[in-house]
């Protein structure tokens, strides 16, 4: 007969639960990398703070820097 203490039972249960969560996280993020790489292929550099952030190629005339919150127009983006 196998003896099972309360501490061993709890550690087995927690280990099994963490293993399921980890495997689920791996499969959840497996396909996200390829989708994200296609969307963030282009980056924009803020001329004020030199922050490099992803440009999703939307047709907005103005963009906002996530670090310094300054507005960037298309002419400032090209350095003109």
C-alpha atoms as a PDB file:
ATOM      1  CA  UNK A   1       0.000   0.000   0.000  1.00  0.00           C
ATOM      2  CA  UNK A   2       1.232   3.496  -0.856  1.00  0.00           C
ATOM      3  CA  UNK A   3       1.340   5.976   1.988  1.00  0.00           C
ATOM      4  CA  UNK A   4       0.376   9.503   1.081  1.00  0.00           C
ATOM      5  CA  UNK A   5       0.892  12.365   3.498  1.00  0.00           C
ATOM      6  CA  UNK A   6      -1.072  15.576   3.320  1.00  0.00           C
ATOM      7  CA  UNK A   7       2.025  17.573   2.341  1.00  0.00           C
ATOM      8  CA  UNK A   8       2.887  15.223  -0.512  1.00  0.00           C
ATOM      9  CA  UNK A   9      -0.713  15.273  -1.778  1.00  0.00           C
ATOM     10  CA  UNK A  10      -0.787  19.076  -1.793  1.00  0.00           C
ATOM     11  CA  UNK A  11       2.586  19.324  -3.559  1.00  0.00           C
ATOM     12  CA  UNK A  12       1.483  16.827  -6.237  1.00  0.00           C
ATOM     13  CA  UNK A  13      -1.757  18.731  -6.766  1.00  0.00           C
ATOM     14  CA  UNK A  14      -0.001  22.117  -7.045  1.00  0.00           C
ATOM     15  CA  UNK A  15       2.691  20.719  -9.355  1.00  0.00           C
ATOM     16  CA  UNK A  16       0.073  19.156 -11.630  1.00  0.00           C
ATOM     17  CA  UNK A  17      -1.902  22.406 -11.734  1.00  0.00           C
ATOM     18  CA  UNK A  18       1.191  24.489 -12.547  1.00  0.00           C
ATOM     19  CA  UNK A  19       2.200  22.047 -15.277  1.00  0.00           C
ATOM     20  CA  UNK A  20      -1.243  22.355 -16.911  1.00  0.00           C
ATOM     21  CA  UNK A  21      -1.089  26.159 -16.762  1.00  0.00           C
ATOM     22  CA  UNK A  22       2.435  26.201 -18.240  1.00  0.00           C
ATOM     23  CA  UNK A  23       1.522  23.886 -21.137  1.00  0.00           C
ATOM     24  CA  UNK A  24      -1.602  25.933 -21.829  1.00  0.00           C
ATOM     25  CA  UNK A  25       0.494  29.154 -21.839  1.00  0.00           C
ATOM     26  CA  UNK A  26       2.972  27.655 -24.329  1.00  0.00           C
ATOM     27  CA  UNK A  27       0.255  26.628 -26.789  1.00  0.00           C
ATOM     28  CA  UNK A  28      -1.565  29.946 -26.334  1.00  0.00           C
ATOM     29  CA  UNK A  29       1.539  31.976 -27.246  1.00  0.00           C
ATOM     30  CA  UNK A  30       2.765  29.652 -29.982  1.00  0.00           C
ATOM     31  CA  UNK A  31       0.666  31.217 -32.754  1.00  0.00           C
ATOM     32  CA  UNK A  32       0.724  34.781 -31.408  1.00  0.00           C
ATOM     33  CA  UNK A  33       4.359  35.333 -32.330  1.00  0.00           C
ATOM     34  CA  UNK A  34       3.806  34.915 -36.070  1.00  0.00           C
ATOM     35  CA  UNK A  35       0.767  37.226 -36.088  1.00  0.00           C
ATOM     36  CA  UNK A  36       2.542  39.902 -34.060  1.00  0.00           C
ATOM     37  CA  UNK A  37       5.646  39.842 -36.279  1.00  0.00           C
ATOM     38  CA  UNK A  38       3.560  40.548 -39.368  1.00  0.00           C
ATOM     39  CA  UNK A  39       1.752  43.467 -37.727  1.00  0.00           C
ATOM     40  CA  UNK A  40       4.785  45.117 -36.110  1.00  0.00           C
ATOM     41  CA  UNK A  41       7.116  44.892 -39.055  1.00  0.00           C
ATOM     42  CA  UNK A  42       7.479  48.676 -39.112  1.00  0.00           C
ATOM     43  CA  UNK A  43       8.646  50.907 -36.296  1.00  0.00           C
ATOM     44  CA  UNK A  44       8.538  54.655 -35.718  1.00  0.00           C
ATOM     45  CA  UNK A  45      11.152  56.670 -33.827  1.00  0.00           C
ATOM     46  CA  UNK A  46      10.025  59.646 -31.790  1.00  0.00           C
ATOM     47  CA  UNK A  47      12.130  62.692 -32.761  1.00  0.00           C
ATOM     48  CA  UNK A  48      11.809  64.194 -29.273  1.00  0.00           C
ATOM     49  CA  UNK A  49      12.757  61.342 -26.939  1.00  0.00           C
ATOM     50  CA  UNK A  50      14.212  58.842 -29.485  1.00  0.00           C
ATOM     51  CA  UNK A  51      11.795  56.122 -28.398  1.00  0.00           C
ATOM     52  CA  UNK A  52      11.294  53.344 -30.939  1.00  0.00           C
ATOM     53  CA  UNK A  53       7.716  52.032 -30.973  1.00  0.00           C
ATOM     54  CA  UNK A  54       5.734  49.752 -33.315  1.00  0.00           C
ATOM     55  CA  UNK A  55       3.885  51.355 -36.201  1.00  0.00           C
ATOM     56  CA  UNK A  56       0.824  49.370 -37.207  1.00  0.00           C
ATOM     57  CA  UNK A  57       0.580  51.229 -40.540  1.00  0.00           C
ATOM     58  CA  UNK A  58      -2.723  52.841 -39.849  1.00  0.00           C
ATOM     59  CA  UNK A  59      -3.672  55.854 -41.927  1.00  0.00           C
ATOM     60  CA  UNK A  60      -3.561  58.357 -39.071  1.00  0.00           C
ATOM     61  CA  UNK A  61      -1.927  61.674 -39.832  1.00  0.00           C
ATOM     62  CA  UNK A  62      -0.713  62.056 -36.233  1.00  0.00           C
ATOM     63  CA  UNK A  63       0.792  59.438 -33.951  1.00  0.00           C
ATOM     64  CA  UNK A  64       1.416  59.651 -30.221  1.00  0.00           C
ATOM     65  CA  UNK A  65       4.645  58.519 -28.626  1.00  0.00           C
ATOM     66  CA  UNK A  66       3.931  56.073 -25.776  1.00  0.00           C
ATOM     67  CA  UNK A  67       6.831  57.361 -23.658  1.00  0.00           C
ATOM     68  CA  UNK A  68       6.662  61.168 -23.846  1.00  0.00           C
ATOM     69  CA  UNK A  69       3.101  61.456 -25.243  1.00  0.00           C
ATOM     70  CA  UNK A  70       4.125  63.976 -27.892  1.00  0.00           C
ATOM     71  CA  UNK A  71       2.325  64.061 -31.223  1.00  0.00           C
ATOM     72  CA  UNK A  72       4.343  63.019 -34.268  1.00  0.00           C
ATOM     73  CA  UNK A  73       3.303  64.052 -37.752  1.00  0.00           C
ATOM     74  CA  UNK A  74       4.405  62.281 -40.913  1.00  0.00           C
ATOM     75  CA  UNK A  75       6.885  65.044 -41.785  1.00  0.00           C
ATOM     76  CA  UNK A  76       8.566  64.781 -38.352  1.00  0.00           C
ATOM     77  CA  UNK A  77       8.718  61.021 -38.761  1.00  0.00           C
ATOM     78  CA  UNK A  78      10.772  61.352 -41.958  1.00  0.00           C
ATOM     79  CA  UNK A  79      13.080  63.920 -40.372  1.00  0.00           C
ATOM     80  CA  UNK A  80      11.999  66.896 -42.478  1.00  0.00           C
END
